[in-house]
Amino acid sequence: MAAKVVKYSREGVTYYEIRGALPDGTRYEDRVGFSERELTFRHLVAARIKLLRSEYEMACQNVRAECRANIAAPGWVKQLIF
């Protein structure tokens, strides 16, 4: 699933927000904010954005696993049990 990372500033804080859809159709949103001083540590900011993306991927995997586990069997399958 594709996710979009959006950057915006509000009251001196820069936010990075990840938005995307999960396989079951629900929306996924998460964000992290950095002050101007924290933005000087670019490697930490980049690492946190990578973590946001990996958390989104894990959420997608968890939802896919739930969908696979909840596959409904047709009604006639229940009749085959002896």
Protein backbone atom coordinates (compact mmCIF):
# COMPACT_ATOMS: atom_id res chain seq x y z
CA MET A 1 0.00 0.00 0.00
CA ALA A 2 1.26 3.46 -0.79
CA ALA A 3 1.52 6.08 1.90
CA LYS A 4 2.01 9.81 1.56
CA VAL A 5 4.34 11.77 3.84
CA VAL A 6 3.22 15.38 4.30
CA LYS A 7 5.36 18.12 5.85
CA TYR A 8 3.81 21.22 7.40
CA SER A 9 4.72 23.86 10.00
CA ARG A 10 2.54 25.25 12.75
CA GLU A 11 3.62 27.64 15.54
CA GLY A 12 7.34 26.99 15.06
CA VAL A 13 7.01 23.22 15.00
CA THR A 14 7.54 21.24 11.81
CA TYR A 15 5.34 18.17 11.53
CA TYR A 16 5.78 15.14 9.31
CA GLU A 17 2.57 13.20 8.87
CA ILE A 18 2.11 9.87 7.14
CA ARG A 19 -1.29 9.14 5.61
CA GLY A 20 -2.42 6.04 3.86
CA ALA A 21 -5.08 3.39 3.53
CA LEU A 22 -4.84 -0.01 5.14
CA PRO A 23 -5.82 -3.14 3.17
CA ASP A 24 -9.18 -3.35 4.96
CA GLY A 25 -10.12 0.16 3.80
CA THR A 26 -9.51 2.05 7.04
CA ARG A 27 -7.33 5.14 7.08
CA TYR A 28 -3.93 5.22 8.77
CA GLU A 29 -2.50 8.50 10.08
CA ASP A 30 0.50 9.15 12.28
CA ARG A 31 2.67 12.21 12.78
CA VAL A 32 5.76 13.43 14.52
CA GLY A 33 6.79 17.02 15.26
CA PHE A 34 10.22 18.61 15.49
CA SER A 35 11.26 22.00 16.81
CA GLU A 36 13.67 24.20 14.84
CA ARG A 37 16.55 23.06 17.03
CA GLU A 38 15.71 19.38 16.58
CA LEU A 39 15.66 19.84 12.80
CA THR A 40 19.41 20.58 12.87
CA PHE A 41 19.96 16.88 13.62
CA ARG A 42 18.97 15.75 10.13
CA HIS A 43 19.98 12.13 10.62
CA LEU A 44 17.63 11.80 13.60
CA VAL A 45 14.78 13.37 11.64
CA ALA A 46 15.41 11.01 8.72
CA ALA A 47 15.54 8.01 11.07
CA ARG A 48 12.21 8.99 12.65
CA ILE A 49 10.57 9.34 9.22
CA LYS A 50 11.87 5.88 8.28
CA LEU A 51 10.38 4.58 11.53
CA LEU A 52 7.01 6.17 10.63
CA ARG A 53 7.07 4.35 7.29
CA SER A 54 8.05 1.03 8.86
CA GLU A 55 5.26 1.38 11.44
CA TYR A 56 2.82 1.89 8.56
CA GLU A 57 4.15 -1.21 6.81
CA MET A 58 3.76 -3.24 10.02
CA ALA A 59 0.18 -2.01 10.40
CA CYS A 60 -0.51 -3.10 6.80
CA GLN A 61 0.97 -6.53 7.47
CA ASN A 62 -1.09 -6.94 10.65
CA VAL A 63 -4.31 -6.01 8.86
CA ARG A 64 -3.49 -8.39 5.98
CA ALA A 65 -2.93 -11.20 8.50
CA GLU A 66 -6.26 -10.43 10.18
CA CYS A 67 -8.03 -10.45 6.82
CA ARG A 68 -6.50 -13.83 5.95
CA ALA A 69 -7.51 -15.26 9.33
CA ASN A 70 -11.10 -14.00 9.05
CA ILE A 71 -11.92 -15.53 5.68
CA ALA A 72 -15.45 -16.78 5.99
CA ALA A 73 -16.15 -20.32 4.88
CA PRO A 74 -19.17 -20.93 2.66
CA GLY A 75 -22.25 -22.32 4.38
CA TRP A 76 -22.00 -25.73 2.71
CA VAL A 77 -18.54 -26.37 4.24
CA LYS A 78 -20.11 -26.63 7.70
CA GLN A 79 -22.34 -29.45 6.44
CA LEU A 80 -19.36 -31.61 5.49
CA ILE A 81 -18.30 -32.13 9.12
CA PHE A 82 -19.19 -35.66 10.26
